[in-house]
Amino acid sequence: MGIIGVWYSAPLMTREIKTYFIRTYGCQMNELDTDIMAGQLQKRNLIPAADEDSADLLIFNTCSIRDLAERKVMGKLGRMGRGAKKNALIGVTGCMAMAKRDSLFRKFPHLDFVVGTNNITDLGSVLDEALYTNRQVLRTEEKFEENIDYLAAKRESNLKAHVSIIRGCDKFCTYCVVPYTRGQEVSRPPESIIEECKKLIDQGYKEITLLGQNVNSYGKDRPEWGCLFHDLLRKLDAIPQMGRIRFMTSHPIDITRELMEAIRDLPSLCEFVHFPIQAGSSRILKKMHRIYTKEQYLEKVALLREIVPNVSLGTDIIVGFPTETEEEFQETYDIMKALRFSVAFIYAYSPRKGTPAMRWKDDIPEEVKQDRLQRLMDLQTQIGNEERNSLLGKTFEVLVECYNKDGAMLKGRTRCWKKVIFQGDESLIGTFQKVNIHSFGHQTLIGSIETNNKLLQL
């Protein structure tokens, strides 16, 4: 059963809110949820504040996947309870709202509301109840219903947009809280996705990233639609003036030949696949409940690279999972060395309350975890430098996004997710340019626009 209800507290002063600030932690799905909540708030004529100190309403849109993100939020909420922003309305949304819904008001009595991942459309009524009653408001339903007004989302970027196509996850990896914080998979109707993408293109957006905990599962929960993920991609690619399409994240067990062929054949679809392996040992993968073996993963990668020879791969890896031996870690190391991922997010395991892995002894010493983490990070740095060196002298299509931090150069990304900086004027922002790479620094390619380059504006 989900929880819909109220918590009684000392009487709250009726407050007027005119400005808001949302602090977002975690994944792209959380960033999209923030955009959706911002749209609801602006419909109420609230104005975004420049920072927390100048806001009447503070929302912390949280993540529970990693221990560090959770500790950051807990520390922030604790400091606010010791005097800061006493007159502000303060709420917690996101995964932590689901994972810790039974304890947040007890630990932080100054909180006004807690809204779960499946209740962001209730934000307006929650604010009304918190403002005009003497109650703290809790809304954390476990089941998601597809009733979000995605068209009202307010995005910071006017070039790149996240678009949700499926929420939740049915895989139940033993280390992951997502099935418990976001529920099981619910696909969004294709007509709704197409409508939103058309609107974004009309507004001038050049790149759309399709989001889901497992985009490869799209449509499997609604077979009557006759629209699986590769079918959806073909529908979106057919939209006139479509720029780029990206997607994440892909569970290896669900990637199909049809999806690989779509990546090869559809002009708008970028040749980058985030394809998490998590571990290189089949025994550890089984303990993680990843539903594939090392050999099956390698077969999928080999097929993908055969069908899409220029594809770039990203991955996630966890080191120090309970009972992982040095030999099993070495299997992970060897796979990273062999597959040469372009992007790798590498983490040391930390137990998450409510997951099956929490029942197991966290038996890998922290110093061993950190040593394994550092060895993989060093390997990935070496692979990245070698890859960037191999790109020197080559030319790539780059979507020009903005100036870099110091304002001296323009920056953008290639189709395969490489960050590039180069000289140019403001008129190039929002266009596609051919950039020749002549050097690199850290993880950034440095280039120059081809002198005979014609604007590739879509």
Protein backbone atom coordinates (compact mmCIF):
# COMPACT_ATOMS: atom_id res chain seq x y z
CA MET A 1 0.00 0.00 0.00
CA GLY A 2 1.17 3.53 -0.70
CA ILE A 3 0.90 6.30 1.83
CA ILE A 4 -1.33 9.31 1.39
CA GLY A 5 -1.83 11.34 4.48
CA VAL A 6 -0.78 14.04 6.88
CA TRP A 7 1.44 14.39 9.90
CA TYR A 8 0.29 16.64 12.71
CA SER A 9 2.73 19.19 14.06
CA ALA A 10 2.73 22.43 15.98
CA PRO A 11 0.62 25.09 14.26
CA LEU A 12 2.30 26.52 11.18
CA MET A 13 2.06 30.20 10.31
CA THR A 14 0.14 30.81 7.10
CA ARG A 15 2.77 31.99 4.62
CA GLU A 16 2.73 33.58 1.22
CA ILE A 17 5.15 32.20 -1.33
CA LYS A 18 6.26 34.22 -4.34
CA THR A 19 9.61 32.65 -5.25
CA TYR A 20 10.95 29.11 -5.39
CA PHE A 21 14.27 27.28 -5.63
CA ILE A 22 14.69 23.58 -6.45
CA ARG A 23 17.95 21.83 -5.60
CA THR A 24 18.29 18.67 -7.73
CA TYR A 25 20.37 15.63 -6.83
CA GLY A 26 20.93 12.47 -8.84
CA CYS A 27 20.04 11.30 -12.33
CA GLN A 28 18.57 12.81 -15.47
CA MET A 29 15.14 11.52 -14.44
CA ASN A 30 15.35 13.72 -11.34
CA GLU A 31 16.37 16.65 -13.52
CA LEU A 32 13.28 16.10 -15.66
CA ASP A 33 11.07 15.85 -12.57
CA THR A 34 12.50 19.20 -11.48
CA ASP A 35 11.56 20.69 -14.86
CA ILE A 36 8.02 19.34 -14.45
CA MET A 37 7.67 20.73 -10.93
CA ALA A 38 9.05 24.10 -12.08
CA GLY A 39 6.32 24.18 -14.73
CA GLN A 40 3.64 23.61 -12.10
CA LEU A 41 5.08 26.33 -9.85
CA GLN A 42 5.27 28.87 -12.65
CA LYS A 43 1.63 28.14 -13.48
CA ARG A 44 0.97 29.40 -9.93
CA ASN A 45 2.87 32.58 -10.88
CA LEU A 46 5.84 31.71 -8.70
CA ILE A 47 9.17 33.12 -9.87
CA PRO A 48 12.42 31.12 -9.80
CA ALA A 49 14.86 32.50 -7.23
CA ALA A 50 18.57 32.88 -7.88
CA ASP A 51 19.53 30.87 -4.80
CA GLU A 52 18.20 29.20 -1.66
CA ASP A 53 18.53 32.30 0.52
CA SER A 54 16.17 34.40 -1.61
CA ALA A 55 13.44 31.75 -2.03
CA ASP A 56 10.14 31.50 -0.16
CA LEU A 57 9.78 27.86 -1.22
CA LEU A 58 12.65 25.37 -1.10
CA ILE A 59 12.37 21.94 -2.68
CA PHE A 60 15.07 19.30 -2.43
CA ASN A 61 14.58 16.80 -5.26
CA THR A 62 16.60 13.91 -3.93
CA CYS A 63 18.41 10.72 -4.89
CA SER A 64 18.88 7.53 -2.85
CA ILE A 65 20.98 5.54 -5.30
CA ARG A 66 24.32 6.60 -3.81
CA ASP A 67 25.12 7.10 -0.16
CA LEU A 68 26.98 10.37 -0.83
CA ALA A 69 23.97 12.07 -2.45
CA GLU A 70 21.75 11.02 0.44
CA ARG A 71 24.22 12.28 3.06
CA LYS A 72 24.44 15.66 1.30
CA VAL A 73 20.68 16.13 1.55
CA MET A 74 20.51 14.97 5.17
CA GLY A 75 23.28 17.40 6.12
CA LYS A 76 21.56 20.26 4.33
CA LEU A 77 18.20 19.56 5.99
CA GLY A 78 19.86 19.29 9.39
CA ARG A 79 21.53 22.70 9.04
CA MET A 80 18.22 24.28 8.02
CA GLY A 81 16.65 23.01 11.20
CA ARG A 82 19.20 24.90 13.24
CA GLY A 83 17.95 28.32 12.26
CA ALA A 84 18.41 28.97 8.55
CA LYS A 85 15.36 29.77 6.42
CA LYS A 86 12.83 29.34 9.21
CA ASN A 87 10.21 31.29 7.27
CA ALA A 88 10.60 29.34 4.06
CA LEU A 89 8.33 26.49 3.07
CA ILE A 90 10.60 23.44 2.81
CA GLY A 91 9.87 20.15 1.07
CA VAL A 92 11.59 16.95 0.01
CA THR A 93 10.74 15.15 -3.24
CA GLY A 94 12.36 12.36 -5.24
CA CYS A 95 13.75 8.96 -4.34
CA MET A 96 14.71 9.82 -0.77
CA ALA A 97 11.12 10.87 -0.13
CA MET A 98 10.12 7.30 -0.94
CA ALA A 99 13.02 5.49 0.73
CA LYS A 100 12.84 7.46 3.99
CA ARG A 101 9.18 8.49 4.07
CA ASP A 102 8.66 6.93 7.51
CA SER A 103 11.44 8.92 9.17
CA LEU A 104 11.92 12.28 7.44
CA PHE A 105 9.41 14.25 9.54
CA ARG A 106 10.72 12.62 12.71
CA LYS A 107 14.32 13.54 11.91
CA PHE A 108 13.50 16.97 10.49
CA PRO A 109 10.40 18.40 12.20
CA HIS A 110 10.88 21.71 10.34
CA LEU A 111 9.97 20.03 7.02
CA ASP A 112 6.62 21.11 5.59
CA PHE A 113 6.00 18.40 3.00
CA VAL A 114 7.34 15.17 1.53
CA VAL A 115 6.28 14.18 -1.99
CA GLY A 116 7.25 10.88 -3.61
CA THR A 117 8.34 10.19 -7.17
CA ASN A 118 4.84 9.10 -8.18
CA ASN A 119 3.12 12.20 -6.80
CA ILE A 120 4.83 15.15 -8.43
CA THR A 121 1.54 16.09 -10.14
CA ASP A 122 0.10 16.62 -6.64
CA LEU A 123 2.59 19.39 -5.83
CA GLY A 124 0.01 22.17 -6.12
CA SER A 125 -2.50 20.60 -3.73
CA VAL A 126 0.33 19.68 -1.34
CA LEU A 127 1.47 23.30 -1.22
CA ASP A 128 -2.08 24.50 -0.56
CA GLU A 129 -2.49 22.04 2.30
CA ALA A 130 0.88 22.90 3.81
CA LEU A 131 0.26 26.64 3.54
CA TYR A 132 -3.26 26.84 4.89
CA THR A 133 -3.47 24.11 7.52
CA ASN A 134 -1.56 23.18 10.63
CA ARG A 135 -0.24 20.00 9.07
CA GLN A 136 2.85 18.57 7.48
CA VAL A 137 1.87 16.81 4.27
CA LEU A 138 3.02 13.39 3.11
CA ARG A 139 2.20 12.05 -0.38
CA THR A 140 4.07 8.90 -1.37
CA GLU A 141 1.99 6.53 -3.46
CA GLU A 142 3.82 3.42 -4.61
CA LYS A 143 2.05 3.05 -7.97
CA PHE A 144 2.72 5.49 -10.79
CA GLU A 145 -0.12 6.58 -13.06
CA GLU A 146 0.75 8.25 -16.35
CA ASN A 147 -0.95 11.60 -15.72
CA ILE A 148 1.93 14.07 -15.89
CA ASP A 149 1.60 17.23 -17.96
CA TYR A 150 5.00 16.94 -19.65
CA LEU A 151 4.19 19.81 -22.01
CA ALA A 152 4.21 22.24 -19.08
CA ALA A 153 7.80 21.42 -18.05
CA LYS A 154 10.11 24.46 -17.74
CA ARG A 155 13.63 23.62 -18.89
CA GLU A 156 16.77 25.65 -18.28
CA SER A 157 18.22 24.78 -21.69
CA ASN A 158 16.58 25.93 -24.90
CA LEU A 159 18.60 23.49 -27.03
CA LYS A 160 18.59 20.14 -25.24
CA ALA A 161 15.64 18.44 -23.55
CA HIS A 162 15.01 15.29 -21.55
CA VAL A 163 11.83 13.41 -22.47
CA SER A 164 10.48 10.60 -20.28
CA ILE A 165 9.31 7.49 -22.13
CA ILE A 166 9.12 4.90 -19.32
CA ARG A 167 9.25 5.16 -15.54
CA GLY A 168 10.18 2.55 -12.95
CA CYS A 169 12.08 -0.72 -13.20
CA ASP A 170 11.18 -4.42 -13.01
CA LYS A 171 14.71 -5.82 -12.84
CA PHE A 172 15.20 -5.71 -9.03
CA CYS A 173 18.99 -5.68 -8.96
CA THR A 174 19.93 -6.59 -5.41
CA TYR A 175 21.88 -3.37 -4.76
CA CYS A 176 19.35 -0.92 -6.22
CA VAL A 177 16.50 1.01 -4.59
CA VAL A 178 14.87 2.19 -7.84
CA PRO A 179 12.13 -0.50 -8.00
CA TYR A 180 11.14 0.54 -4.46
CA THR A 181 11.39 4.32 -4.96
CA ARG A 182 10.00 4.59 -8.51
CA GLY A 183 7.91 1.43 -8.76
CA GLN A 184 7.52 -0.99 -11.63
CA GLU A 185 7.79 -0.13 -15.30
CA VAL A 186 5.08 2.05 -16.82
CA SER A 187 5.46 3.06 -20.48
CA ARG A 188 4.19 6.40 -21.69
CA PRO A 189 1.85 6.33 -24.70
CA PRO A 190 3.78 6.91 -27.96
CA GLU A 191 1.34 9.59 -29.10
CA SER A 192 2.13 11.64 -26.00
CA ILE A 193 5.88 11.29 -26.57
CA ILE A 194 5.58 12.26 -30.23
CA GLU A 195 3.44 15.29 -29.36
CA GLU A 196 6.00 16.52 -26.84
CA CYS A 197 8.92 16.00 -29.21
CA LYS A 198 7.13 17.89 -31.99
CA LYS A 199 6.50 20.79 -29.63
CA LEU A 200 10.14 20.84 -28.55
CA ILE A 201 11.32 20.91 -32.17
CA ASP A 202 8.90 23.76 -32.92
CA GLN A 203 10.43 25.63 -29.97
CA GLY A 204 13.92 25.24 -31.44
CA TYR A 205 15.30 22.29 -29.47
CA LYS A 206 18.08 20.47 -31.32
CA GLU A 207 18.70 17.42 -29.12
CA ILE A 208 16.27 15.17 -27.26
CA THR A 209 17.35 12.54 -24.73
CA LEU A 210 14.78 9.81 -24.10
CA LEU A 211 14.82 8.76 -20.46
CA GLY A 212 13.93 5.65 -18.53
CA GLN A 213 15.48 3.41 -15.92
CA ASN A 214 15.45 0.85 -18.74
CA VAL A 215 14.44 2.34 -22.08
CA ASN A 216 14.89 -1.03 -23.81
CA SER A 217 11.78 -2.28 -21.99
CA TYR A 218 9.60 0.42 -23.54
CA GLY A 219 6.22 -0.90 -24.65
CA LYS A 220 6.61 -4.40 -23.22
CA ASP A 221 4.05 -3.61 -20.52
CA ARG A 222 1.55 -2.51 -23.20
CA PRO A 223 1.70 -5.10 -26.01
CA GLU A 224 -1.62 -3.83 -27.40
CA TRP A 225 0.20 -0.68 -28.57
CA GLY A 226 2.39 -2.68 -30.96
CA CYS A 227 5.18 -0.20 -30.28
CA LEU A 228 8.46 -1.39 -28.79
CA PHE A 229 11.48 0.86 -28.29
CA HIS A 230 12.88 0.49 -31.80
CA ASP A 231 9.39 1.22 -33.20
CA LEU A 232 9.19 4.41 -31.13
CA LEU A 233 12.62 5.52 -32.36
CA ARG A 234 11.54 5.14 -35.97
CA LYS A 235 8.41 7.22 -35.31
CA LEU A 236 10.48 9.98 -33.69
CA ASP A 237 13.13 9.96 -36.41
CA ALA A 238 10.36 10.57 -38.95
CA ILE A 239 9.37 13.89 -37.32
CA PRO A 240 10.33 16.74 -39.70
CA GLN A 241 13.34 18.80 -38.58
CA MET A 242 14.30 16.29 -35.88
CA GLY A 243 17.87 17.01 -34.76
CA ARG A 244 19.55 14.49 -32.52
CA ILE A 245 18.06 11.72 -30.41
CA ARG A 246 19.89 10.11 -27.48
CA PHE A 247 18.60 7.60 -24.94
CA MET A 248 19.55 6.17 -21.57
CA THR A 249 19.78 3.80 -19.84
CA SER A 250 19.92 0.42 -21.61
CA HIS A 251 19.78 -2.82 -19.66
CA PRO A 252 21.94 -5.39 -21.51
CA ILE A 253 19.37 -8.17 -21.25
CA ASP A 254 16.79 -6.21 -23.27
CA ILE A 255 18.85 -4.78 -26.13
CA THR A 256 17.74 -6.29 -29.44
CA ARG A 257 19.09 -6.58 -32.96
CA GLU A 258 16.21 -4.32 -34.07
CA LEU A 259 17.42 -1.59 -31.70
CA MET A 260 21.01 -1.96 -32.91
CA GLU A 261 19.82 -1.65 -36.52
CA ALA A 262 17.83 1.47 -35.60
CA ILE A 263 21.02 3.06 -34.22
CA ARG A 264 22.74 2.21 -37.51
CA ASP A 265 19.94 3.32 -39.82
CA LEU A 266 18.19 6.34 -38.28
CA PRO A 267 19.96 9.65 -39.10
CA SER A 268 18.83 11.40 -35.92
CA LEU A 269 19.93 8.63 -33.54
CA CYS A 270 23.34 9.21 -31.97
CA GLU A 271 25.86 6.38 -32.04
CA PHE A 272 26.31 6.25 -28.27
CA VAL A 273 24.86 3.56 -25.99
CA HIS A 274 25.09 3.65 -22.21
CA PHE A 275 25.31 -0.08 -21.54
CA PRO A 276 26.12 -0.81 -17.87
CA ILE A 277 27.97 -4.05 -17.15
CA GLN A 278 28.28 -3.42 -13.35
CA ALA A 279 30.79 -6.28 -12.82
CA GLY A 280 33.01 -8.58 -14.86
CA SER A 281 32.40 -11.75 -12.88
CA SER A 282 29.41 -13.96 -13.76
CA ARG A 283 29.13 -15.03 -10.13
CA ILE A 284 28.95 -11.42 -8.93
CA LEU A 285 26.51 -10.57 -11.73
CA LYS A 286 24.26 -13.39 -10.53
CA LYS A 287 24.53 -12.15 -6.95
CA MET A 288 23.58 -8.68 -8.24
CA HIS A 289 20.60 -10.24 -10.09
CA ARG A 290 21.69 -8.67 -13.38
CA ILE A 291 20.09 -11.60 -15.32
CA TYR A 292 23.02 -12.04 -17.73
CA THR A 293 26.46 -13.61 -17.61
CA LYS A 294 29.74 -12.02 -18.57
CA GLU A 295 29.74 -14.07 -21.77
CA GLN A 296 26.23 -12.92 -22.73
CA TYR A 297 27.22 -9.29 -22.18
CA LEU A 298 30.30 -9.68 -24.36
CA GLU A 299 28.18 -11.30 -27.10
CA LYS A 300 25.80 -8.30 -27.08
CA VAL A 301 28.71 -5.86 -27.32
CA ALA A 302 30.28 -7.83 -30.19
CA LEU A 303 26.96 -7.83 -32.10
CA LEU A 304 26.41 -4.12 -31.48
CA ARG A 305 29.90 -3.25 -32.73
CA GLU A 306 29.41 -5.47 -35.77
CA ILE A 307 26.13 -3.73 -36.69
CA VAL A 308 27.24 -0.21 -35.66
CA PRO A 309 31.04 -0.14 -36.14
CA ASN A 310 31.39 3.49 -35.02
CA VAL A 311 29.35 3.09 -31.83
CA SER A 312 30.70 4.43 -28.52
CA LEU A 313 29.85 2.66 -25.28
CA GLY A 314 29.34 3.96 -21.76
CA THR A 315 29.07 1.81 -18.66
CA ASP A 316 28.49 1.72 -14.90
CA ILE A 317 30.65 -0.44 -12.63
CA ILE A 318 30.43 -1.26 -8.93
CA VAL A 319 33.56 -2.48 -7.11
CA GLY A 320 33.64 -4.12 -3.70
CA PHE A 321 30.25 -5.82 -3.95
CA PRO A 322 29.79 -8.28 -1.05
CA THR A 323 32.08 -11.35 -1.39
CA GLU A 324 33.90 -9.97 -4.46
CA THR A 325 37.36 -11.56 -4.57
CA GLU A 326 40.51 -10.04 -6.00
CA GLU A 327 40.29 -12.50 -8.89
CA GLU A 328 36.72 -11.43 -9.63
CA PHE A 329 37.72 -7.78 -9.52
CA GLN A 330 40.49 -8.63 -11.98
CA GLU A 331 37.82 -9.97 -14.35
CA THR A 332 36.17 -6.55 -14.27
CA TYR A 333 39.52 -4.88 -14.87
CA ASP A 334 40.26 -7.14 -17.83
CA ILE A 335 36.85 -6.48 -19.43
CA MET A 336 37.33 -2.72 -19.10
CA LYS A 337 40.74 -3.04 -20.69
CA ALA A 338 39.39 -5.16 -23.54
CA LEU A 339 36.16 -3.26 -24.31
CA ARG A 340 37.62 0.24 -23.89
CA PHE A 341 34.48 2.12 -22.84
CA SER A 342 34.36 5.75 -23.89
CA VAL A 343 32.57 6.71 -20.67
CA ALA A 344 32.65 4.85 -17.36
CA PHE A 345 30.93 5.74 -14.10
CA ILE A 346 32.71 3.73 -11.41
CA TYR A 347 31.55 3.43 -7.80
CA ALA A 348 32.50 1.65 -4.61
CA TYR A 349 29.62 -0.41 -3.27
CA SER A 350 27.63 1.04 -0.39
CA PRO A 351 24.65 -0.81 1.13
CA ARG A 352 21.25 0.80 0.61
CA LYS A 353 18.48 0.25 3.11
CA GLY A 354 15.56 -1.73 1.71
CA THR A 355 17.55 -3.63 -0.91
CA PRO A 356 18.20 -7.41 -0.78
CA ALA A 357 21.96 -6.78 -0.63
CA MET A 358 21.44 -4.99 2.69
CA ARG A 359 20.96 -8.43 4.27
CA TRP A 360 24.48 -9.48 3.33
CA LYS A 361 27.59 -8.59 5.24
CA ASP A 362 29.42 -5.67 3.66
CA ASP A 363 32.60 -7.70 3.92
CA ILE A 364 35.01 -5.87 1.61
CA PRO A 365 37.13 -3.44 3.68
CA GLU A 366 36.80 0.19 2.68
CA GLU A 367 40.49 0.48 1.87
CA VAL A 368 40.17 -2.48 -0.54
CA LYS A 369 37.15 -0.89 -2.21
CA GLN A 370 39.01 2.39 -2.64
CA ASP A 371 42.07 0.63 -4.02
CA ARG A 372 39.97 -1.23 -6.61
CA LEU A 373 38.08 1.96 -7.43
CA GLN A 374 41.32 3.86 -8.02
CA ARG A 375 42.78 1.11 -10.21
CA LEU A 376 39.73 1.19 -12.48
CA MET A 377 39.72 4.98 -12.59
CA ASP A 378 43.41 5.02 -13.54
CA LEU A 379 42.73 2.47 -16.30
CA GLN A 380 39.79 4.52 -17.60
CA THR A 381 41.95 7.67 -17.63
CA GLN A 382 44.55 5.83 -19.71
CA ILE A 383 41.91 4.50 -22.11
CA GLY A 384 40.32 7.94 -22.41
CA ASN A 385 43.62 9.64 -23.20
CA GLU A 386 44.47 7.04 -25.82
CA GLU A 387 41.04 7.43 -27.40
CA ARG A 388 41.29 11.22 -27.46
CA ASN A 389 44.77 10.98 -28.99
CA SER A 390 43.32 8.79 -31.77
CA LEU A 391 40.77 11.51 -32.59
CA LEU A 392 43.37 14.17 -33.40
CA GLY A 393 43.08 15.40 -36.96
CA LYS A 394 39.53 14.08 -37.35
CA THR A 395 36.40 16.15 -37.94
CA PHE A 396 33.14 15.75 -36.03
CA GLU A 397 29.66 17.23 -36.05
CA VAL A 398 29.23 19.32 -32.89
CA LEU A 399 26.06 20.89 -31.51
CA VAL A 400 27.19 24.32 -30.30
CA GLU A 401 25.60 24.83 -26.87
CA CYS A 402 27.10 27.88 -25.16
CA TYR A 403 30.33 29.53 -24.07
CA ASN A 404 32.54 27.64 -21.64
CA LYS A 405 32.96 28.81 -18.04
CA ASP A 406 35.57 31.48 -18.72
CA GLY A 407 33.65 32.75 -21.76
CA ALA A 408 36.66 32.44 -24.04
CA MET A 409 35.51 29.55 -26.22
CA LEU A 410 32.34 27.91 -27.43
CA LYS A 411 31.53 24.39 -26.30
CA GLY A 412 29.38 21.51 -27.46
CA ARG A 413 29.29 17.74 -27.88
CA THR A 414 29.80 15.29 -30.70
CA ARG A 415 27.22 12.63 -31.54
CA CYS A 416 29.28 10.19 -29.46
CA TRP A 417 29.16 12.40 -26.35
CA LYS A 418 32.64 13.94 -26.58
CA LYS A 419 32.89 17.46 -25.16
CA VAL A 420 34.56 19.88 -27.58
CA ILE A 421 35.65 23.52 -27.20
CA PHE A 422 36.63 25.86 -30.04
CA GLN A 423 36.78 29.52 -31.05
CA GLY A 424 33.66 31.13 -32.48
CA ASP A 425 31.11 33.87 -31.99
CA GLU A 426 27.71 33.82 -30.33
CA SER A 427 25.84 33.47 -33.62
CA LEU A 428 26.95 29.82 -33.83
CA ILE A 429 25.10 28.80 -30.64
CA GLY A 430 22.26 26.45 -31.53
CA THR A 431 23.84 25.29 -34.79
CA PHE A 432 25.61 22.11 -35.86
CA GLN A 433 29.21 22.72 -36.89
CA LYS A 434 31.99 20.58 -38.34
CA VAL A 435 34.93 20.88 -35.95
CA ASN A 436 38.42 19.55 -36.63
CA ILE A 437 40.20 18.28 -33.50
CA HIS A 438 43.79 19.41 -33.00
CA SER A 439 44.42 18.78 -29.27
CA PHE A 440 42.79 17.90 -25.97
CA GLY A 441 42.99 18.77 -22.30
CA HIS A 442 41.81 16.46 -19.55
CA GLN A 443 38.51 15.05 -20.95
CA THR A 444 37.82 17.87 -23.41
CA LEU A 445 38.66 17.88 -27.11
CA ILE A 446 39.95 21.17 -28.55
CA GLY A 447 39.38 22.03 -32.18
CA SER A 448 38.60 24.62 -34.79
CA ILE A 449 35.67 25.06 -37.15
CA GLU A 450 36.46 24.00 -40.70
CA THR A 451 37.02 27.08 -42.83
CA ASN A 452 34.73 25.80 -45.58
CA ASN A 453 32.15 24.68 -43.05
CA LYS A 454 28.56 25.43 -43.94
CA LEU A 455 26.11 25.92 -41.09
CA LEU A 456 24.30 22.66 -40.41
CA GLN A 457 21.38 24.32 -38.67
CA LEU A 458 18.28 22.14 -38.43
